[in-house]
Amino acid sequence: MNSLIQENGPTITEPESGSTRQLVHLVDHPIEVEELYKPYVSKHDIEIFDSEDKLIGHIKLRRGLKSDHPDSVRPKNAMIEEIILGDPYIGKGFGKAAYIELLKFLGDTPLLSGVLNHNSAKIWESLVHDGLAKEEHLDGYGQPDGYVSLPEAVKAKLVD
């Protein structure tokens, strides 16, 4: 189990004391993959905890690893297969905070949006607005087919 707590993540300020604490932190639980796929993919079940260490959701993540084969066109990237956040936490910044912590965890690995629901689309639009992601044109017709994170921007803006 690896704690992904970051010092400079999204924070909340305590009204009485004025002190700040991190809004969410993540804990990674790598999932074993079949031997054949180990050079190409890793999978993770990542728990989302609030600032009081209460479990509020989880992320199932697939992380593609760059193939060393000379004919490979497989890029290094990651995609959320599933994200679940408890109802009391939806629409209050916890989802975006979890995405930001995930982007920091991924380092130089871009996160692809994949299929989006209404809430995750709003988060991606916010990440684009903050300069941490961009629309990706993949469908051959010039139409936005999703989003991709910008690892260099994440490093510059969020990681010490």
N, C-alpha and C. Protein backbone atom coordinates (compact mmCIF):
# COMPACT_ATOMS: atom_id res chain seq x y z
N MET A 1 0.85 -1.17 0.00
CA MET A 1 0.00 0.00 0.00
C MET A 1 0.89 1.23 0.00
N ASN A 2 0.69 2.14 -0.96
CA ASN A 2 1.49 3.35 -1.08
C ASN A 2 0.62 4.57 -0.85
N SER A 3 0.99 5.40 0.09
CA SER A 3 0.25 6.63 0.30
C SER A 3 0.69 7.65 -0.73
N LEU A 4 -0.27 8.30 -1.34
CA LEU A 4 0.02 9.29 -2.37
C LEU A 4 -0.21 10.70 -1.84
N ILE A 5 -0.09 10.88 -0.56
CA ILE A 5 -0.36 12.19 0.03
C ILE A 5 0.67 13.19 -0.50
N GLN A 6 0.19 14.31 -0.97
CA GLN A 6 1.05 15.37 -1.49
C GLN A 6 0.92 16.60 -0.60
N GLU A 7 2.01 17.31 -0.41
CA GLU A 7 1.99 18.47 0.47
C GLU A 7 1.25 19.66 -0.14
N ASN A 8 1.24 19.78 -1.45
CA ASN A 8 0.68 20.98 -2.07
C ASN A 8 -0.60 20.70 -2.86
N GLY A 9 -1.41 19.78 -2.37
CA GLY A 9 -2.67 19.46 -3.03
C GLY A 9 -3.76 20.44 -2.64
N PRO A 10 -4.96 20.27 -3.20
CA PRO A 10 -6.08 21.14 -2.85
C PRO A 10 -6.34 21.08 -1.34
N THR A 11 -6.54 22.23 -0.74
CA THR A 11 -6.68 22.29 0.71
C THR A 11 -7.99 22.95 1.11
N ILE A 12 -8.34 22.78 2.39
CA ILE A 12 -9.46 23.50 2.98
C ILE A 12 -8.93 24.26 4.19
N THR A 13 -9.56 25.35 4.52
CA THR A 13 -9.14 26.17 5.66
C THR A 13 -10.12 25.98 6.79
N GLU A 14 -9.59 25.70 7.97
CA GLU A 14 -10.42 25.55 9.16
C GLU A 14 -10.94 26.93 9.56
N PRO A 15 -12.27 27.11 9.69
CA PRO A 15 -12.82 28.44 9.99
C PRO A 15 -12.35 29.01 11.32
N GLU A 16 -12.22 28.17 12.34
CA GLU A 16 -11.87 28.68 13.67
C GLU A 16 -10.39 29.00 13.80
N SER A 17 -9.53 28.11 13.33
CA SER A 17 -8.09 28.29 13.53
C SER A 17 -7.39 28.97 12.36
N GLY A 18 -7.99 28.91 11.17
CA GLY A 18 -7.34 29.46 9.98
C GLY A 18 -6.29 28.54 9.39
N SER A 19 -6.08 27.36 10.02
CA SER A 19 -5.10 26.41 9.49
C SER A 19 -5.68 25.70 8.27
N THR A 20 -4.79 25.23 7.41
CA THR A 20 -5.25 24.53 6.20
C THR A 20 -4.86 23.06 6.30
N ARG A 21 -5.65 22.24 5.62
CA ARG A 21 -5.34 20.83 5.50
C ARG A 21 -5.79 20.36 4.13
N GLN A 22 -5.23 19.27 3.71
CA GLN A 22 -5.50 18.74 2.39
C GLN A 22 -6.94 18.26 2.28
N LEU A 23 -7.60 18.58 1.14
CA LEU A 23 -8.99 18.19 0.93
C LEU A 23 -9.14 16.68 0.79
N VAL A 24 -8.28 16.05 -0.02
CA VAL A 24 -8.32 14.59 -0.17
C VAL A 24 -6.89 14.06 -0.24
N HIS A 25 -6.75 12.77 0.01
CA HIS A 25 -5.52 12.06 -0.29
C HIS A 25 -5.89 10.68 -0.82
N LEU A 26 -4.96 10.10 -1.54
CA LEU A 26 -5.20 8.83 -2.21
C LEU A 26 -4.29 7.75 -1.64
N VAL A 27 -4.78 6.52 -1.64
CA VAL A 27 -3.96 5.36 -1.27
C VAL A 27 -4.07 4.34 -2.39
N ASP A 28 -2.92 3.97 -2.94
CA ASP A 28 -2.84 3.06 -4.09
C ASP A 28 -2.73 1.61 -3.63
N HIS A 29 -3.54 0.75 -4.25
CA HIS A 29 -3.45 -0.69 -4.06
C HIS A 29 -3.25 -1.31 -5.44
N PRO A 30 -1.98 -1.57 -5.85
CA PRO A 30 -1.76 -2.18 -7.17
C PRO A 30 -2.49 -3.52 -7.28
N ILE A 31 -3.02 -3.77 -8.47
CA ILE A 31 -3.74 -5.02 -8.76
C ILE A 31 -2.83 -5.88 -9.62
N GLU A 32 -2.72 -7.14 -9.27
CA GLU A 32 -1.89 -8.08 -10.03
C GLU A 32 -2.49 -8.28 -11.42
N VAL A 33 -1.63 -8.21 -12.45
CA VAL A 33 -2.08 -8.47 -13.82
C VAL A 33 -1.40 -9.75 -14.30
N GLU A 34 -1.97 -10.36 -15.32
CA GLU A 34 -1.40 -11.59 -15.88
C GLU A 34 0.02 -11.34 -16.35
N GLU A 35 0.85 -12.34 -16.22
CA GLU A 35 2.28 -12.24 -16.55
C GLU A 35 2.50 -11.69 -17.97
N LEU A 36 1.71 -12.14 -18.92
CA LEU A 36 1.83 -11.71 -20.30
C LEU A 36 1.71 -10.19 -20.45
N TYR A 37 0.87 -9.56 -19.61
CA TYR A 37 0.59 -8.13 -19.75
C TYR A 37 1.47 -7.24 -18.88
N LYS A 38 2.24 -7.80 -17.96
CA LYS A 38 3.03 -7.00 -17.03
C LYS A 38 3.95 -5.98 -17.70
N PRO A 39 4.58 -6.30 -18.84
CA PRO A 39 5.44 -5.27 -19.46
C PRO A 39 4.64 -4.11 -20.07
N TYR A 40 3.34 -4.27 -20.22
CA TYR A 40 2.55 -3.29 -20.97
C TYR A 40 1.52 -2.53 -20.15
N VAL A 41 1.10 -3.08 -19.01
CA VAL A 41 0.01 -2.43 -18.28
C VAL A 41 0.15 -2.70 -16.78
N SER A 42 -0.25 -1.72 -16.00
CA SER A 42 -0.43 -1.94 -14.56
C SER A 42 -1.83 -1.47 -14.22
N LYS A 43 -2.41 -2.08 -13.20
CA LYS A 43 -3.75 -1.69 -12.77
C LYS A 43 -3.70 -1.33 -11.30
N HIS A 44 -4.57 -0.40 -10.94
CA HIS A 44 -4.56 0.12 -9.57
C HIS A 44 -5.99 0.32 -9.08
N ASP A 45 -6.22 -0.04 -7.83
CA ASP A 45 -7.45 0.31 -7.13
C ASP A 45 -7.03 1.36 -6.11
N ILE A 46 -7.44 2.58 -6.32
CA ILE A 46 -6.99 3.70 -5.50
C ILE A 46 -8.14 4.20 -4.66
N GLU A 47 -7.93 4.21 -3.35
CA GLU A 47 -8.95 4.70 -2.43
C GLU A 47 -8.82 6.22 -2.28
N ILE A 48 -9.97 6.90 -2.17
CA ILE A 48 -10.01 8.34 -1.96
C ILE A 48 -10.47 8.59 -0.53
N PHE A 49 -9.67 9.34 0.22
CA PHE A 49 -9.99 9.67 1.60
C PHE A 49 -10.15 11.19 1.73
N ASP A 50 -11.07 11.63 2.59
CA ASP A 50 -11.21 13.07 2.83
C ASP A 50 -10.16 13.52 3.85
N SER A 51 -10.20 14.78 4.22
CA SER A 51 -9.19 15.35 5.11
C SER A 51 -9.26 14.78 6.52
N GLU A 52 -10.34 14.09 6.85
CA GLU A 52 -10.48 13.46 8.17
C GLU A 52 -10.24 11.95 8.08
N ASP A 53 -9.62 11.51 6.98
CA ASP A 53 -9.29 10.10 6.73
C ASP A 53 -10.50 9.20 6.61
N LYS A 54 -11.63 9.74 6.17
CA LYS A 54 -12.82 8.94 5.91
C LYS A 54 -12.80 8.52 4.44
N LEU A 55 -13.00 7.23 4.19
CA LEU A 55 -13.06 6.72 2.82
C LEU A 55 -14.29 7.29 2.14
N ILE A 56 -14.10 8.00 1.02
CA ILE A 56 -15.23 8.65 0.34
C ILE A 56 -15.42 8.15 -1.09
N GLY A 57 -14.50 7.32 -1.59
CA GLY A 57 -14.65 6.80 -2.94
C GLY A 57 -13.44 6.00 -3.37
N HIS A 58 -13.45 5.60 -4.64
CA HIS A 58 -12.29 4.90 -5.19
C HIS A 58 -12.18 5.12 -6.69
N ILE A 59 -10.99 4.85 -7.18
CA ILE A 59 -10.67 4.97 -8.61
C ILE A 59 -10.08 3.65 -9.06
N LYS A 60 -10.58 3.10 -10.15
CA LYS A 60 -9.92 1.96 -10.80
C LYS A 60 -9.17 2.54 -12.00
N LEU A 61 -7.86 2.35 -12.00
CA LEU A 61 -6.98 2.97 -12.99
C LEU A 61 -6.24 1.92 -13.78
N ARG A 62 -6.18 2.10 -15.09
CA ARG A 62 -5.33 1.29 -15.96
C ARG A 62 -4.21 2.18 -16.45
N ARG A 63 -2.99 1.73 -16.27
CA ARG A 63 -1.82 2.51 -16.66
C ARG A 63 -1.06 1.73 -17.72
N GLY A 64 -1.05 2.26 -18.95
CA GLY A 64 -0.32 1.62 -20.03
C GLY A 64 1.14 2.00 -19.97
N LEU A 65 2.00 1.02 -20.13
CA LEU A 65 3.43 1.25 -20.09
C LEU A 65 3.99 1.23 -21.49
N LYS A 66 4.95 2.08 -21.78
CA LYS A 66 5.54 2.14 -23.12
C LYS A 66 6.24 0.84 -23.43
N SER A 67 5.94 0.28 -24.58
CA SER A 67 6.57 -0.96 -25.02
C SER A 67 7.97 -0.65 -25.53
N ASP A 68 8.92 -1.54 -25.24
CA ASP A 68 10.29 -1.38 -25.74
C ASP A 68 10.45 -1.96 -27.14
N HIS A 69 9.42 -2.63 -27.64
CA HIS A 69 9.50 -3.25 -28.97
C HIS A 69 9.66 -2.15 -30.02
N PRO A 70 10.62 -2.30 -30.96
CA PRO A 70 10.88 -1.23 -31.94
C PRO A 70 9.70 -0.91 -32.85
N ASP A 71 8.77 -1.86 -33.07
CA ASP A 71 7.63 -1.62 -33.95
C ASP A 71 6.41 -1.12 -33.19
N SER A 72 6.53 -0.96 -31.90
CA SER A 72 5.37 -0.58 -31.10
C SER A 72 5.02 0.90 -31.28
N VAL A 73 3.73 1.15 -31.40
CA VAL A 73 3.23 2.52 -31.42
C VAL A 73 2.45 2.80 -30.13
N ARG A 74 2.52 1.87 -29.20
CA ARG A 74 1.79 1.98 -27.94
C ARG A 74 2.39 3.10 -27.09
N PRO A 75 1.64 4.17 -26.84
CA PRO A 75 2.17 5.24 -25.99
C PRO A 75 1.97 4.92 -24.52
N LYS A 76 2.74 5.59 -23.70
CA LYS A 76 2.56 5.48 -22.25
C LYS A 76 1.41 6.41 -21.89
N ASN A 77 0.37 5.89 -21.23
CA ASN A 77 -0.76 6.70 -20.81
C ASN A 77 -1.53 5.98 -19.72
N ALA A 78 -2.53 6.65 -19.19
CA ALA A 78 -3.38 6.05 -18.16
C ALA A 78 -4.81 6.43 -18.45
N MET A 79 -5.74 5.61 -17.95
CA MET A 79 -7.16 5.89 -18.12
C MET A 79 -7.91 5.40 -16.89
N ILE A 80 -8.84 6.22 -16.44
CA ILE A 80 -9.70 5.82 -15.33
C ILE A 80 -10.74 4.86 -15.89
N GLU A 81 -10.77 3.65 -15.35
CA GLU A 81 -11.79 2.69 -15.76
C GLU A 81 -13.08 2.92 -15.00
N GLU A 82 -12.95 3.42 -13.77
CA GLU A 82 -14.13 3.68 -12.94
C GLU A 82 -13.72 4.64 -11.83
N ILE A 83 -14.59 5.58 -11.55
CA ILE A 83 -14.41 6.43 -10.38
C ILE A 83 -15.76 6.53 -9.68
N ILE A 84 -15.74 6.26 -8.40
CA ILE A 84 -16.97 6.32 -7.61
C ILE A 84 -16.70 7.23 -6.42
N LEU A 85 -17.59 8.19 -6.23
CA LEU A 85 -17.51 9.11 -5.11
C LEU A 85 -18.85 9.06 -4.40
N GLY A 86 -18.83 9.00 -3.08
CA GLY A 86 -20.07 8.96 -2.32
C GLY A 86 -20.94 10.19 -2.59
N ASP A 87 -22.25 10.01 -2.62
CA ASP A 87 -23.19 11.10 -2.94
C ASP A 87 -22.95 12.38 -2.16
N PRO A 88 -22.65 12.34 -0.85
CA PRO A 88 -22.47 13.60 -0.12
C PRO A 88 -21.27 14.42 -0.61
N TYR A 89 -20.38 13.82 -1.40
CA TYR A 89 -19.14 14.48 -1.82
C TYR A 89 -19.19 14.98 -3.26
N ILE A 90 -20.24 14.65 -3.99
CA ILE A 90 -20.36 15.05 -5.39
C ILE A 90 -20.72 16.53 -5.48
N GLY A 91 -20.04 17.24 -6.38
CA GLY A 91 -20.33 18.65 -6.61
C GLY A 91 -19.74 19.59 -5.57
N LYS A 92 -18.79 19.10 -4.76
CA LYS A 92 -18.22 19.92 -3.69
C LYS A 92 -16.70 20.06 -3.80
N GLY A 93 -16.13 19.68 -4.95
CA GLY A 93 -14.70 19.83 -5.16
C GLY A 93 -13.87 18.60 -4.86
N PHE A 94 -14.48 17.57 -4.28
CA PHE A 94 -13.72 16.37 -3.93
C PHE A 94 -13.28 15.60 -5.18
N GLY A 95 -14.14 15.54 -6.19
CA GLY A 95 -13.79 14.84 -7.42
C GLY A 95 -12.61 15.49 -8.12
N LYS A 96 -12.67 16.81 -8.26
CA LYS A 96 -11.55 17.51 -8.91
C LYS A 96 -10.28 17.35 -8.08
N ALA A 97 -10.40 17.45 -6.76
CA ALA A 97 -9.23 17.27 -5.90
C ALA A 97 -8.61 15.88 -6.10
N ALA A 98 -9.46 14.86 -6.24
CA ALA A 98 -8.97 13.50 -6.47
C ALA A 98 -8.26 13.41 -7.82
N TYR A 99 -8.84 14.03 -8.85
CA TYR A 99 -8.18 14.04 -10.17
C TYR A 99 -6.82 14.71 -10.07
N ILE A 100 -6.73 15.83 -9.38
CA ILE A 100 -5.46 16.55 -9.26
C ILE A 100 -4.42 15.68 -8.56
N GLU A 101 -4.81 15.03 -7.48
CA GLU A 101 -3.88 14.13 -6.79
C GLU A 101 -3.46 12.98 -7.71
N LEU A 102 -4.39 12.47 -8.51
CA LEU A 102 -4.08 11.39 -9.43
C LEU A 102 -3.09 11.87 -10.50
N LEU A 103 -3.28 13.08 -11.02
CA LEU A 103 -2.36 13.62 -12.02
C LEU A 103 -0.95 13.74 -11.44
N LYS A 104 -0.84 14.15 -10.20
CA LYS A 104 0.48 14.25 -9.56
C LYS A 104 1.09 12.87 -9.39
N PHE A 105 0.28 11.89 -9.02
CA PHE A 105 0.75 10.52 -8.86
C PHE A 105 1.28 9.96 -10.19
N LEU A 106 0.61 10.30 -11.29
CA LEU A 106 0.99 9.76 -12.60
C LEU A 106 2.29 10.35 -13.13
N GLY A 107 2.71 11.48 -12.61
CA GLY A 107 3.97 12.07 -13.06
C GLY A 107 3.96 12.41 -14.53
N ASP A 108 4.87 11.80 -15.31
CA ASP A 108 4.96 12.12 -16.74
C ASP A 108 4.05 11.25 -17.61
N THR A 109 3.15 10.50 -16.99
CA THR A 109 2.19 9.68 -17.73
C THR A 109 0.91 10.47 -17.96
N PRO A 110 0.53 10.73 -19.22
CA PRO A 110 -0.72 11.45 -19.48
C PRO A 110 -1.94 10.62 -19.10
N LEU A 111 -2.95 11.29 -18.57
CA LEU A 111 -4.24 10.67 -18.27
C LEU A 111 -5.20 11.00 -19.40
N LEU A 112 -5.82 9.97 -19.99
CA LEU A 112 -6.82 10.15 -21.04
C LEU A 112 -8.20 10.11 -20.41
N SER A 113 -9.12 10.90 -20.95
CA SER A 113 -10.45 10.98 -20.34
C SER A 113 -11.32 9.77 -20.60
N GLY A 114 -11.26 9.18 -21.77
CA GLY A 114 -12.16 8.08 -22.09
C GLY A 114 -13.61 8.56 -22.13
N VAL A 115 -14.53 7.66 -21.88
CA VAL A 115 -15.96 7.99 -21.89
C VAL A 115 -16.28 8.77 -20.62
N LEU A 116 -17.02 9.87 -20.78
CA LEU A 116 -17.29 10.77 -19.65
C LEU A 116 -18.77 10.83 -19.31
N ASN A 117 -19.05 10.95 -18.02
CA ASN A 117 -20.40 11.30 -17.60
C ASN A 117 -20.43 12.82 -17.35
N HIS A 118 -21.56 13.34 -16.95
CA HIS A 118 -21.72 14.79 -16.78
C HIS A 118 -20.72 15.34 -15.75
N ASN A 119 -20.58 14.68 -14.61
CA ASN A 119 -19.70 15.18 -13.56
C ASN A 119 -18.23 15.13 -13.96
N SER A 120 -17.79 14.03 -14.58
CA SER A 120 -16.39 13.95 -14.97
C SER A 120 -16.08 14.91 -16.12
N ALA A 121 -17.05 15.17 -17.00
CA ALA A 121 -16.85 16.16 -18.07
C ALA A 121 -16.61 17.55 -17.48
N LYS A 122 -17.36 17.89 -16.42
CA LYS A 122 -17.17 19.19 -15.77
C LYS A 122 -15.78 19.28 -15.14
N ILE A 123 -15.30 18.19 -14.57
CA ILE A 123 -13.96 18.19 -13.99
C ILE A 123 -12.91 18.40 -15.07
N TRP A 124 -13.04 17.67 -16.18
CA TRP A 124 -12.08 17.83 -17.27
C TRP A 124 -12.11 19.25 -17.83
N GLU A 125 -13.28 19.83 -17.99
CA GLU A 125 -13.37 21.21 -18.48
C GLU A 125 -12.66 22.16 -17.52
N SER A 126 -12.78 21.91 -16.22
CA SER A 126 -12.09 22.72 -15.22
C SER A 126 -10.58 22.52 -15.31
N LEU A 127 -10.13 21.29 -15.53
CA LEU A 127 -8.70 21.03 -15.69
C LEU A 127 -8.15 21.74 -16.92
N VAL A 128 -8.93 21.78 -18.00
CA VAL A 128 -8.52 22.53 -19.21
C VAL A 128 -8.42 24.01 -18.86
N HIS A 129 -9.42 24.54 -18.19
CA HIS A 129 -9.43 25.95 -17.79
C HIS A 129 -8.20 26.29 -16.94
N ASP A 130 -7.78 25.35 -16.08
CA ASP A 130 -6.62 25.56 -15.20
C ASP A 130 -5.29 25.30 -15.91
N GLY A 131 -5.33 24.89 -17.18
CA GLY A 131 -4.11 24.63 -17.93
C GLY A 131 -3.46 23.29 -17.63
N LEU A 132 -4.21 22.36 -17.03
CA LEU A 132 -3.66 21.06 -16.67
C LEU A 132 -4.04 19.97 -17.67
N ALA A 133 -4.90 20.29 -18.63
CA ALA A 133 -5.36 19.33 -19.64
C ALA A 133 -5.73 20.09 -20.90
N LYS A 134 -5.95 19.34 -21.98
CA LYS A 134 -6.41 19.94 -23.23
C LYS A 134 -7.41 19.01 -23.89
N GLU A 135 -8.22 19.59 -24.78
CA GLU A 135 -9.11 18.74 -25.58
C GLU A 135 -8.25 17.96 -26.56
N GLU A 136 -8.62 16.72 -26.79
CA GLU A 136 -7.87 15.86 -27.69
C GLU A 136 -8.74 15.55 -28.90
N HIS A 137 -8.20 15.73 -30.08
CA HIS A 137 -8.94 15.46 -31.32
C HIS A 137 -8.46 14.14 -31.91
N LEU A 138 -9.27 13.12 -31.75
CA LEU A 138 -8.85 11.78 -32.18
C LEU A 138 -9.78 11.13 -33.18
N ASP A 139 -10.93 11.72 -33.45
CA ASP A 139 -11.93 10.99 -34.23
C ASP A 139 -11.78 11.11 -35.73
N GLY A 140 -10.78 11.85 -36.23
CA GLY A 140 -10.58 11.95 -37.66
C GLY A 140 -11.43 13.00 -38.34
N TYR A 141 -12.37 13.59 -37.63
CA TYR A 141 -13.24 14.61 -38.18
C TYR A 141 -12.99 15.97 -37.54
N GLY A 142 -11.97 16.07 -36.69
CA GLY A 142 -11.67 17.32 -36.02
C GLY A 142 -12.58 17.62 -34.84
N GLN A 143 -13.38 16.66 -34.44
CA GLN A 143 -14.28 16.85 -33.30
C GLN A 143 -13.57 16.41 -32.03
N PRO A 144 -13.78 17.14 -30.92
CA PRO A 144 -13.16 16.70 -29.67
C PRO A 144 -13.64 15.30 -29.31
N ASP A 145 -12.69 14.45 -29.06
CA ASP A 145 -13.02 13.07 -28.72
C ASP A 145 -12.71 12.80 -27.26
N GLY A 146 -12.39 13.83 -26.53
CA GLY A 146 -12.05 13.65 -25.12
C GLY A 146 -10.98 14.64 -24.71
N TYR A 147 -10.32 14.31 -23.61
CA TYR A 147 -9.31 15.18 -23.03
C TYR A 147 -8.08 14.37 -22.68
N VAL A 148 -6.96 15.07 -22.56
CA VAL A 148 -5.71 14.45 -22.11
C VAL A 148 -5.03 15.43 -21.17
N SER A 149 -4.46 14.90 -20.08
CA SER A 149 -3.75 15.76 -19.14
C SER A 149 -2.42 16.20 -19.75
N LEU A 150 -1.87 17.27 -19.20
CA LEU A 150 -0.60 17.82 -19.66
C LEU A 150 0.42 17.65 -18.52
N PRO A 151 1.16 16.53 -18.53
CA PRO A 151 2.07 16.25 -17.41
C PRO A 151 3.06 17.38 -17.11
N GLU A 152 3.58 18.05 -18.12
CA GLU A 152 4.53 19.13 -17.87
C GLU A 152 3.86 20.28 -17.12
N ALA A 153 2.62 20.59 -17.46
CA ALA A 153 1.89 21.65 -16.75
C ALA A 153 1.60 21.24 -15.32
N VAL A 154 1.26 19.96 -15.12
CA VAL A 154 1.00 19.46 -13.76
C VAL A 154 2.27 19.62 -12.92
N LYS A 155 3.43 19.22 -13.48
CA LYS A 155 4.70 19.36 -12.75
C LYS A 155 4.97 20.83 -12.42
N ALA A 156 4.78 21.70 -13.40
CA ALA A 156 5.10 23.11 -13.20
C ALA A 156 4.18 23.78 -12.19
N LYS A 157 2.90 23.41 -12.18
CA LYS A 157 1.93 24.11 -11.34
C LYS A 157 1.68 23.45 -10.00
N LEU A 158 1.86 22.13 -9.90
CA LEU A 158 1.41 21.43 -8.70
C LEU A 158 2.47 20.68 -7.92
N VAL A 159 3.59 20.37 -8.52
CA VAL A 159 4.58 19.53 -7.87
C VAL A 159 5.80 20.38 -7.57
N ASP A 160 6.31 20.27 -6.34
CA ASP A 160 7.51 21.02 -5.95
C ASP A 160 8.71 20.57 -6.75
